[in-house]
Amino acid sequence: MEVSIRNELVAIVTQNSQQVGGGGVPIFYATNQVDCERIALCLSRTLDAMVHELESGTYFLTHH
């Protein structure tokens, strides 16, 4: 059995386009907090990733 550690950023979900930019990962923009949470949850299930909340309605998804 092979075990590996993957600490990689997969995506960002935010309400504020001024807060996030550039990067190299997909950025998803939501219109409100509910949409932000819904998008983050759907992406985490689809990409098998963990969701972490930063501040002001910004989430990032990562593989651990």
Foldseek 3Di string as FASTA:
>chain_A
DDDDDFWDWAEKEAQDPVVDDDDPHHYHHDPDLVRLVVVQVVCCVVVVWDWDDDPDNMIITTHD
